[in-house]
Amino acid sequence: MDGKMLARLGAVVFVAIAITATVIELTRKEVAPAETPVRLLQPERNPLREGQRRCQQLGAKAADDAECLRVWAETRDRFLGRTPAPASPSSSEGR
């Protein structure tokens, strides 16, 4: 076999493989992914987040608001991974 014939044979084999791969790809059926449940409901109500939003809207007045101070303390405790200490009326009276 001379060089030209070998090159032609290689080109024909390459084209045949390319056509075969294309036909296989086009005839392959797409597997539909399992349907994931779409959450149509509203997210759960989060009172802490609502309190944070309220305090955010108050702006500078929030520094004097007792509820905002409580919300911020709870947020800080959750962020730091602390368990909030139970509020007991006797702890401030004993001093």
PDB file of N, CA and C in Angstrom:
ATOM      1  N   MET A   1       0.848  -1.182   0.000  1.00  0.00           N
ATOM      2  CA  MET A   1       0.000   0.000   0.000  1.00  0.00           C
ATOM      3  C   MET A   1       0.891   1.242   0.000  1.00  0.00           C
ATOM      4  N   ASP A   2       0.508   2.173  -0.848  1.00  0.00           N
ATOM      5  CA  ASP A   2       1.286   3.406  -0.847  1.00  0.00           C
ATOM      6  C   ASP A   2       0.704   4.400   0.146  1.00  0.00           C
ATOM      7  N   GLY A   3       1.340   5.521   0.331  1.00  0.00           N
ATOM      8  CA  GLY A   3       0.958   6.510   1.334  1.00  0.00           C
ATOM      9  C   GLY A   3      -0.392   7.139   1.104  1.00  0.00           C
ATOM     10  N   LYS A   4      -0.715   7.420  -0.178  1.00  0.00           N
ATOM     11  CA  LYS A   4      -2.004   8.042  -0.481  1.00  0.00           C
ATOM     12  C   LYS A   4      -3.158   7.105  -0.140  1.00  0.00           C
ATOM     13  N   MET A   5      -3.000   5.864  -0.459  1.00  0.00           N
ATOM     14  CA  MET A   5      -4.051   4.885  -0.197  1.00  0.00           C
ATOM     15  C   MET A   5      -4.257   4.717   1.312  1.00  0.00           C
ATOM     16  N   LEU A   6      -3.177   4.692   2.060  1.00  0.00           N
ATOM     17  CA  LEU A   6      -3.261   4.556   3.510  1.00  0.00           C
ATOM     18  C   LEU A   6      -3.940   5.783   4.137  1.00  0.00           C
ATOM     19  N   ALA A   7      -3.654   6.971   3.625  1.00  0.00           N
ATOM     20  CA  ALA A   7      -4.274   8.198   4.125  1.00  0.00           C
ATOM     21  C   ALA A   7      -5.770   8.188   3.826  1.00  0.00           C
ATOM     22  N   ARG A   8      -6.156   7.753   2.639  1.00  0.00           N
ATOM     23  CA  ARG A   8      -7.574   7.685   2.277  1.00  0.00           C
ATOM     24  C   ARG A   8      -8.310   6.683   3.164  1.00  0.00           C
ATOM     25  N   LEU A   9      -7.685   5.546   3.384  1.00  0.00           N
ATOM     26  CA  LEU A   9      -8.294   4.533   4.248  1.00  0.00           C
ATOM     27  C   LEU A   9      -8.481   5.067   5.670  1.00  0.00           C
ATOM     28  N   GLY A  10      -7.481   5.773   6.178  1.00  0.00           N
ATOM     29  CA  GLY A  10      -7.587   6.379   7.515  1.00  0.00           C
ATOM     30  C   GLY A  10      -8.694   7.415   7.588  1.00  0.00           C
ATOM     31  N   ALA A  11      -8.830   8.235   6.530  1.00  0.00           N
ATOM     32  CA  ALA A  11      -9.887   9.244   6.491  1.00  0.00           C
ATOM     33  C   ALA A  11     -11.262   8.593   6.457  1.00  0.00           C
ATOM     34  N   VAL A  12     -11.417   7.532   5.680  1.00  0.00           N
ATOM     35  CA  VAL A  12     -12.699   6.838   5.598  1.00  0.00           C
ATOM     36  C   VAL A  12     -13.069   6.225   6.948  1.00  0.00           C
ATOM     37  N   VAL A  13     -12.111   5.604   7.615  1.00  0.00           N
ATOM     38  CA  VAL A  13     -12.364   5.008   8.931  1.00  0.00           C
ATOM     39  C   VAL A  13     -12.750   6.099   9.936  1.00  0.00           C
ATOM     40  N   PHE A  14     -12.052   7.229   9.890  1.00  0.00           N
ATOM     41  CA  PHE A  14     -12.358   8.338  10.804  1.00  0.00           C
ATOM     42  C   PHE A  14     -13.768   8.860  10.574  1.00  0.00           C
ATOM     43  N   VAL A  15     -14.146   9.078   9.319  1.00  0.00           N
ATOM     44  CA  VAL A  15     -15.489   9.569   8.995  1.00  0.00           C
ATOM     45  C   VAL A  15     -16.538   8.542   9.411  1.00  0.00           C
ATOM     46  N   ALA A  16     -16.273   7.270   9.207  1.00  0.00           N
ATOM     47  CA  ALA A  16     -17.227   6.225   9.591  1.00  0.00           C
ATOM     48  C   ALA A  16     -17.445   6.225  11.103  1.00  0.00           C
ATOM     49  N   ILE A  17     -16.362   6.367  11.843  1.00  0.00           N
ATOM     50  CA  ILE A  17     -16.490   6.405  13.310  1.00  0.00           C
ATOM     51  C   ILE A  17     -17.251   7.653  13.742  1.00  0.00           C
ATOM     52  N   ALA A  18     -16.969   8.792  13.115  1.00  0.00           N
ATOM     53  CA  ALA A  18     -17.659  10.033  13.465  1.00  0.00           C
ATOM     54  C   ALA A  18     -19.152   9.938  13.169  1.00  0.00           C
ATOM     55  N   ILE A  19     -19.508   9.387  12.039  1.00  0.00           N
ATOM     56  CA  ILE A  19     -20.932   9.229  11.686  1.00  0.00           C
ATOM     57  C   ILE A  19     -21.613   8.275  12.650  1.00  0.00           C
ATOM     58  N   THR A  20     -20.953   7.177  12.978  1.00  0.00           N
ATOM     59  CA  THR A  20     -21.534   6.214  13.924  1.00  0.00           C
ATOM     60  C   THR A  20     -21.767   6.856  15.286  1.00  0.00           C
ATOM     61  N   ALA A  21     -20.788   7.612  15.771  1.00  0.00           N
ATOM     62  CA  ALA A  21     -20.938   8.267  17.073  1.00  0.00           C
ATOM     63  C   ALA A  21     -22.075   9.286  17.040  1.00  0.00           C
ATOM     64  N   THR A  22     -22.216  10.010  15.933  1.00  0.00           N
ATOM     65  CA  THR A  22     -23.293  10.992  15.803  1.00  0.00           C
ATOM     66  C   THR A  22     -24.653  10.316  15.797  1.00  0.00           C
ATOM     67  N   VAL A  23     -24.777   9.220  15.055  1.00  0.00           N
ATOM     68  CA  VAL A  23     -26.053   8.504  14.997  1.00  0.00           C
ATOM     69  C   VAL A  23     -26.421   7.955  16.370  1.00  0.00           C
ATOM     70  N   ILE A  24     -25.451   7.405  17.071  1.00  0.00           N
ATOM     71  CA  ILE A  24     -25.720   6.868  18.417  1.00  0.00           C
ATOM     72  C   ILE A  24     -26.171   7.986  19.345  1.00  0.00           C
ATOM     73  N   GLU A  25     -25.513   9.133  19.278  1.00  0.00           N
ATOM     74  CA  GLU A  25     -25.864  10.257  20.149  1.00  0.00           C
ATOM     75  C   GLU A  25     -27.263  10.783  19.839  1.00  0.00           C
ATOM     76  N   LEU A  26     -27.611  10.856  18.565  1.00  0.00           N
ATOM     77  CA  LEU A  26     -28.918  11.379  18.195  1.00  0.00           C
ATOM     78  C   LEU A  26     -30.056  10.418  18.510  1.00  0.00           C
ATOM     79  N   THR A  27     -29.794   9.122  18.492  1.00  0.00           N
ATOM     80  CA  THR A  27     -30.860   8.161  18.764  1.00  0.00           C
ATOM     81  C   THR A  27     -30.977   7.807  20.240  1.00  0.00           C
ATOM     82  N   ARG A  28     -30.024   8.248  21.030  1.00  0.00           N
ATOM     83  CA  ARG A  28     -30.074   7.949  22.464  1.00  0.00           C
ATOM     84  C   ARG A  28     -31.229   8.707  23.096  1.00  0.00           C
ATOM     85  N   LYS A  29     -31.987   8.037  23.918  1.00  0.00           N
ATOM     86  CA  LYS A  29     -33.123   8.661  24.581  1.00  0.00           C
ATOM     87  C   LYS A  29     -32.643   9.358  25.847  1.00  0.00           C
ATOM     88  N   GLU A  30     -33.177  10.540  26.037  1.00  0.00           N
ATOM     89  CA  GLU A  30     -32.842  11.299  27.241  1.00  0.00           C
ATOM     90  C   GLU A  30     -33.588  10.692  28.427  1.00  0.00           C
ATOM     91  N   VAL A  31     -32.869  10.497  29.482  1.00  0.00           N
ATOM     92  CA  VAL A  31     -33.481  10.001  30.706  1.00  0.00           C
ATOM     93  C   VAL A  31     -33.910  11.222  31.510  1.00  0.00           C
ATOM     94  N   ALA A  32     -35.199  11.326  31.715  1.00  0.00           N
ATOM     95  CA  ALA A  32     -35.713  12.470  32.470  1.00  0.00           C
ATOM     96  C   ALA A  32     -35.320  12.315  33.938  1.00  0.00           C
ATOM     97  N   PRO A  33     -34.804  13.359  34.531  1.00  0.00           N
ATOM     98  CA  PRO A  33     -34.468  13.256  35.946  1.00  0.00           C
ATOM     99  C   PRO A  33     -35.730  13.082  36.780  1.00  0.00           C
ATOM    100  N   ALA A  34     -35.577  12.406  37.880  1.00  0.00           N
ATOM    101  CA  ALA A  34     -36.723  12.215  38.766  1.00  0.00           C
ATOM    102  C   ALA A  34     -37.230  13.579  39.193  1.00  0.00           C
ATOM    103  N   GLU A  35     -38.514  13.713  39.155  1.00  0.00           N
ATOM    104  CA  GLU A  35     -39.078  15.017  39.479  1.00  0.00           C
ATOM    105  C   GLU A  35     -38.834  15.340  40.938  1.00  0.00           C
ATOM    106  N   THR A  36     -38.275  16.504  41.139  1.00  0.00           N
ATOM    107  CA  THR A  36     -38.061  16.961  42.501  1.00  0.00           C
ATOM    108  C   THR A  36     -39.294  17.742  42.926  1.00  0.00           C
ATOM    109  N   PRO A  37     -39.694  17.559  44.148  1.00  0.00           N
ATOM    110  CA  PRO A  37     -40.890  18.275  44.594  1.00  0.00           C
ATOM    111  C   PRO A  37     -40.619  19.779  44.616  1.00  0.00           C
ATOM    112  N   VAL A  38     -41.497  20.512  44.006  1.00  0.00           N
ATOM    113  CA  VAL A  38     -41.369  21.963  43.983  1.00  0.00           C
ATOM    114  C   VAL A  38     -42.096  22.508  45.187  1.00  0.00           C
ATOM    115  N   ARG A  39     -41.411  23.332  45.908  1.00  0.00           N
ATOM    116  CA  ARG A  39     -42.005  23.879  47.121  1.00  0.00           C
ATOM    117  C   ARG A  39     -42.856  25.083  46.746  1.00  0.00           C
ATOM    118  N   LEU A  40     -44.151  24.897  46.821  1.00  0.00           N
ATOM    119  CA  LEU A  40     -45.074  25.957  46.469  1.00  0.00           C
ATOM    120  C   LEU A  40     -45.564  26.714  47.689  1.00  0.00           C
ATOM    121  N   LEU A  41     -45.309  26.163  48.843  1.00  0.00           N
ATOM    122  CA  LEU A  41     -45.760  26.795  50.069  1.00  0.00           C
ATOM    123  C   LEU A  41     -44.799  27.896  50.476  1.00  0.00           C
ATOM    124  N   GLN A  42     -45.285  28.782  51.280  1.00  0.00           N
ATOM    125  CA  GLN A  42     -44.448  29.841  51.828  1.00  0.00           C
ATOM    126  C   GLN A  42     -43.457  29.227  52.809  1.00  0.00           C
ATOM    127  N   PRO A  43     -42.264  29.817  52.934  1.00  0.00           N
ATOM    128  CA  PRO A  43     -41.325  29.299  53.925  1.00  0.00           C
ATOM    129  C   PRO A  43     -41.909  29.435  55.329  1.00  0.00           C
ATOM    130  N   GLU A  44     -41.387  28.618  56.208  1.00  0.00           N
ATOM    131  CA  GLU A  44     -41.901  28.647  57.577  1.00  0.00           C
ATOM    132  C   GLU A  44     -41.691  30.024  58.187  1.00  0.00           C
ATOM    133  N   ARG A  45     -42.613  30.411  59.010  1.00  0.00           N
ATOM    134  CA  ARG A  45     -42.547  31.715  59.671  1.00  0.00           C
ATOM    135  C   ARG A  45     -41.430  31.678  60.701  1.00  0.00           C
ATOM    136  N   ASN A  46     -40.544  32.652  60.650  1.00  0.00           N
ATOM    137  CA  ASN A  46     -39.426  32.725  61.567  1.00  0.00           C
ATOM    138  C   ASN A  46     -39.544  34.018  62.370  1.00  0.00           C
ATOM    139  N   PRO A  47     -39.977  33.931  63.636  1.00  0.00           N
ATOM    140  CA  PRO A  47     -40.176  35.145  64.425  1.00  0.00           C
ATOM    141  C   PRO A  47     -38.877  35.924  64.652  1.00  0.00           C
ATOM    142  N   LEU A  48     -37.759  35.229  64.747  1.00  0.00           N
ATOM    143  CA  LEU A  48     -36.493  35.930  64.957  1.00  0.00           C
ATOM    144  C   LEU A  48     -36.160  36.787  63.740  1.00  0.00           C
ATOM    145  N   ARG A  49     -36.329  36.233  62.554  1.00  0.00           N
ATOM    146  CA  ARG A  49     -36.057  37.004  61.329  1.00  0.00           C
ATOM    147  C   ARG A  49     -37.015  38.195  61.206  1.00  0.00           C
ATOM    148  N   GLU A  50     -38.274  37.974  61.563  1.00  0.00           N
ATOM    149  CA  GLU A  50     -39.237  39.076  61.513  1.00  0.00           C
ATOM    150  C   GLU A  50     -38.837  40.182  62.493  1.00  0.00           C
ATOM    151  N   GLY A  51     -38.366  39.790  63.665  1.00  0.00           N
ATOM    152  CA  GLY A  51     -37.899  40.789  64.639  1.00  0.00           C
ATOM    153  C   GLY A  51     -36.680  41.538  64.120  1.00  0.00           C
ATOM    154  N   GLN A  52     -35.779  40.825  63.467  1.00  0.00           N
ATOM    155  CA  GLN A  52     -34.598  41.483  62.893  1.00  0.00           C
ATOM    156  C   GLN A  52     -35.006  42.493  61.830  1.00  0.00           C
ATOM    157  N   ARG A  53     -35.967  42.130  60.984  1.00  0.00           N
ATOM    158  CA  ARG A  53     -36.450  43.057  59.952  1.00  0.00           C
ATOM    159  C   ARG A  53     -37.084  44.292  60.584  1.00  0.00           C
ATOM    160  N   ARG A  54     -37.871  44.070  61.623  1.00  0.00           N
ATOM    161  CA  ARG A  54     -38.518  45.191  62.307  1.00  0.00           C
ATOM    162  C   ARG A  54     -37.487  46.142  62.886  1.00  0.00           C
ATOM    163  N   CYS A  55     -36.472  45.581  63.516  1.00  0.00           N
ATOM    164  CA  CYS A  55     -35.430  46.414  64.112  1.00  0.00           C
ATOM    165  C   CYS A  55     -34.626  47.130  63.033  1.00  0.00           C
ATOM    166  N   GLN A  56     -34.437  46.482  61.912  1.00  0.00           N
ATOM    167  CA  GLN A  56     -33.722  47.111  60.804  1.00  0.00           C
ATOM    168  C   GLN A  56     -34.498  48.325  60.298  1.00  0.00           C
ATOM    169  N   GLN A  57     -35.806  48.207  60.246  1.00  0.00           N
ATOM    170  CA  GLN A  57     -36.627  49.305  59.765  1.00  0.00           C
ATOM    171  C   GLN A  57     -36.683  50.450  60.768  1.00  0.00           C
ATOM    172  N   LEU A  58     -36.497  50.151  62.058  1.00  0.00           N
ATOM    173  CA  LEU A  58     -36.505  51.211  63.072  1.00  0.00           C
ATOM    174  C   LEU A  58     -35.273  52.110  62.961  1.00  0.00           C
ATOM    175  N   GLY A  59     -34.203  51.569  62.453  1.00  0.00           N
ATOM    176  CA  GLY A  59     -32.978  52.363  62.303  1.00  0.00           C
ATOM    177  C   GLY A  59     -32.324  52.633  63.648  1.00  0.00           C
ATOM    178  N   ALA A  60     -31.955  53.895  63.895  1.00  0.00           N
ATOM    179  CA  ALA A  60     -31.251  54.270  65.130  1.00  0.00           C
ATOM    180  C   ALA A  60     -32.138  54.125  66.360  1.00  0.00           C
ATOM    181  N   LYS A  61     -33.456  54.196  66.179  1.00  0.00           N
ATOM    182  CA  LYS A  61     -34.382  54.051  67.316  1.00  0.00           C
ATOM    183  C   LYS A  61     -34.332  52.652  67.907  1.00  0.00           C
ATOM    184  N   ALA A  62     -33.839  51.695  67.144  1.00  0.00           N
ATOM    185  CA  ALA A  62     -33.799  50.307  67.605  1.00  0.00           C
ATOM    186  C   ALA A  62     -32.859  50.136  68.790  1.00  0.00           C
ATOM    187  N   ALA A  63     -31.868  51.015  68.932  1.00  0.00           N
ATOM    188  CA  ALA A  63     -30.929  50.908  70.052  1.00  0.00           C
ATOM    189  C   ALA A  63     -31.621  51.146  71.383  1.00  0.00           C
ATOM    190  N   ASP A  64     -32.761  51.843  71.382  1.00  0.00           N
ATOM    191  CA  ASP A  64     -33.505  52.116  72.617  1.00  0.00           C
ATOM    192  C   ASP A  64     -34.700  51.190  72.792  1.00  0.00           C
ATOM    193  N   ASP A  65     -34.931  50.313  71.840  1.00  0.00           N
ATOM    194  CA  ASP A  65     -36.085  49.429  71.878  1.00  0.00           C
ATOM    195  C   ASP A  65     -35.720  48.130  72.599  1.00  0.00           C
ATOM    196  N   ALA A  66     -36.474  47.796  73.655  1.00  0.00           N
ATOM    197  CA  ALA A  66     -36.176  46.605  74.456  1.00  0.00           C
ATOM    198  C   ALA A  66     -36.340  45.325  73.635  1.00  0.00           C
ATOM    199  N   GLU A  67     -37.333  45.287  72.768  1.00  0.00           N
ATOM    200  CA  GLU A  67     -37.550  44.091  71.947  1.00  0.00           C
ATOM    201  C   GLU A  67     -36.392  43.885  70.976  1.00  0.00           C
ATOM    202  N   CYS A  68     -35.859  44.967  70.413  1.00  0.00           N
ATOM    203  CA  CYS A  68     -34.718  44.848  69.507  1.00  0.00           C
ATOM    204  C   CYS A  68     -33.482  44.371  70.261  1.00  0.00           C
ATOM    205  N   LEU A  69     -33.301  44.835  71.467  1.00  0.00           N
ATOM    206  CA  LEU A  69     -32.158  44.379  72.261  1.00  0.00           C
ATOM    207  C   LEU A  69     -32.266  42.878  72.529  1.00  0.00           C
ATOM    208  N   ARG A  70     -33.489  42.405  72.783  1.00  0.00           N
ATOM    209  CA  ARG A  70     -33.703  40.982  73.010  1.00  0.00           C
ATOM    210  C   ARG A  70     -33.428  40.180  71.736  1.00  0.00           C
ATOM    211  N   VAL A  71     -33.922  40.687  70.606  1.00  0.00           N
ATOM    212  CA  VAL A  71     -33.714  40.011  69.316  1.00  0.00           C
ATOM    213  C   VAL A  71     -32.224  39.943  69.002  1.00  0.00           C
ATOM    214  N   TRP A  72     -31.506  41.031  69.211  1.00  0.00           N
ATOM    215  CA  TRP A  72     -30.076  41.045  68.933  1.00  0.00           C
ATOM    216  C   TRP A  72     -29.316  40.084  69.837  1.00  0.00           C
ATOM    217  N   ALA A  73     -29.729  40.013  71.119  1.00  0.00           N
ATOM    218  CA  ALA A  73     -29.073  39.087  72.041  1.00  0.00           C
ATOM    219  C   ALA A  73     -29.307  37.639  71.601  1.00  0.00           C
ATOM    220  N   GLU A  74     -30.530  37.338  71.177  1.00  0.00           N
ATOM    221  CA  GLU A  74     -30.834  35.981  70.722  1.00  0.00           C
ATOM    222  C   GLU A  74     -30.066  35.647  69.440  1.00  0.00           C
ATOM    223  N   THR A  75     -29.986  36.619  68.535  1.00  0.00           N
ATOM    224  CA  THR A  75     -29.233  36.425  67.295  1.00  0.00           C
ATOM    225  C   THR A  75     -27.760  36.182  67.594  1.00  0.00           C
ATOM    226  N   ARG A  76     -27.208  36.958  68.491  1.00  0.00           N
ATOM    227  CA  ARG A  76     -25.791  36.798  68.862  1.00  0.00           C
ATOM    228  C   ARG A  76     -25.553  35.425  69.478  1.00  0.00           C
ATOM    229  N   ASP A  77     -26.453  35.000  70.359  1.00  0.00           N
ATOM    230  CA  ASP A  77     -26.297  33.690  70.998  1.00  0.00           C
ATOM    231  C   ASP A  77     -26.372  32.559  69.972  1.00  0.00           C
ATOM    232  N   ARG A  78     -27.280  32.679  69.026  1.00  0.00           N
ATOM    233  CA  ARG A  78     -27.382  31.643  67.982  1.00  0.00           C
ATOM    234  C   ARG A  78     -26.140  31.621  67.112  1.00  0.00           C
ATOM    235  N   PHE A  79     -25.610  32.798  66.790  1.00  0.00           N
ATOM    236  CA  PHE A  79     -24.417  32.872  65.956  1.00  0.00           C
ATOM    237  C   PHE A  79     -23.210  32.264  66.661  1.00  0.00           C
ATOM    238  N   LEU A  80     -23.087  32.542  67.942  1.00  0.00           N
ATOM    239  CA  LEU A  80     -21.940  32.041  68.707  1.00  0.00           C
ATOM    240  C   LEU A  80     -22.138  30.615  69.193  1.00  0.00           C
ATOM    241  N   GLY A  81     -23.313  30.056  68.996  1.00  0.00           N
ATOM    242  CA  GLY A  81     -23.571  28.678  69.388  1.00  0.00           C
ATOM    243  C   GLY A  81     -23.845  28.518  70.867  1.00  0.00           C
ATOM    244  N   ARG A  82     -24.189  29.586  71.501  1.00  0.00           N
ATOM    245  CA  ARG A  82     -24.517  29.518  72.934  1.00  0.00           C
ATOM    246  C   ARG A  82     -25.983  29.175  73.119  1.00  0.00           C
ATOM    247  N   THR A  83     -26.261  28.498  74.213  1.00  0.00           N
ATOM    248  CA  THR A  83     -27.657  28.286  74.569  1.00  0.00           C
ATOM    249  C   THR A  83     -28.076  29.463  75.436  1.00  0.00           C
ATOM    250  N   PRO A  84     -29.199  30.067  75.117  1.00  0.00           N
ATOM    251  CA  PRO A  84     -29.613  31.230  75.891  1.00  0.00           C
ATOM    252  C   PRO A  84     -29.886  30.854  77.341  1.00  0.00           C
ATOM    253  N   ALA A  85     -29.415  31.695  78.237  1.00  0.00           N
ATOM    254  CA  ALA A  85     -29.635  31.459  79.668  1.00  0.00           C
ATOM    255  C   ALA A  85     -31.095  31.744  79.983  1.00  0.00           C
ATOM    256  N   PRO A  86     -31.734  30.893  80.773  1.00  0.00           N
ATOM    257  CA  PRO A  86     -33.139  31.148  81.111  1.00  0.00           C
ATOM    258  C   PRO A  86     -33.235  32.410  81.965  1.00  0.00           C
ATOM    259  N   ALA A  87     -34.184  33.244  81.617  1.00  0.00           N
ATOM    260  CA  ALA A  87     -34.371  34.492  82.373  1.00  0.00           C
ATOM    261  C   ALA A  87     -35.069  34.158  83.674  1.00  0.00           C
ATOM    262  N   SER A  88     -34.412  34.468  84.771  1.00  0.00           N
ATOM    263  CA  SER A  88     -35.026  34.229  86.078  1.00  0.00           C
ATOM    264  C   SER A  88     -35.090  35.551  86.823  1.00  0.00           C
ATOM    265  N   PRO A  89     -36.257  35.875  87.392  1.00  0.00           N
ATOM    266  CA  PRO A  89     -36.408  37.158  88.085  1.00  0.00           C
ATOM    267  C   PRO A  89     -35.547  37.260  89.350  1.00  0.00           C
ATOM    268  N   SER A  90     -35.147  36.126  89.920  1.00  0.00           N
ATOM    269  CA  SER A  90     -34.382  36.160  91.161  1.00  0.00           C
ATOM    270  C   SER A  90     -32.918  36.526  90.923  1.00  0.00           C
ATOM    271  N   SER A  91     -32.411  36.430  89.719  1.00  0.00           N
ATOM    272  CA  SER A  91     -30.993  36.705  89.473  1.00  0.00           C
ATOM    273  C   SER A  91     -30.689  38.182  89.615  1.00  0.00           C
ATOM    274  N   SER A  92     -31.599  39.094  89.292  1.00  0.00           N
ATOM    275  CA  SER A  92     -31.327  40.512  89.414  1.00  0.00           C
ATOM    276  C   SER A  92     -31.709  41.049  90.786  1.00  0.00           C
ATOM    277  N   GLU A  93     -32.533  40.315  91.553  1.00  0.00           N
ATOM    278  CA  GLU A  93     -32.968  40.785  92.862  1.00  0.00           C
ATOM    279  C   GLU A  93     -31.955  40.505  93.952  1.00  0.00           C
ATOM    280  N   GLY A  94     -31.069  39.553  93.773  1.00  0.00           N
ATOM    281  CA  GLY A  94     -30.150  39.143  94.831  1.00  0.00           C
ATOM    282  C   GLY A  94     -28.994  40.074  95.027  1.00  0.00           C
ATOM    283  N   ARG A  95     -28.882  41.149  94.313  1.00  0.00           N
ATOM    284  CA  ARG A  95     -27.740  42.053  94.426  1.00  0.00           C
ATOM    285  C   ARG A  95     -27.968  43.165  95.344  1.00  0.00           C
TER     286      ARG A  95
END
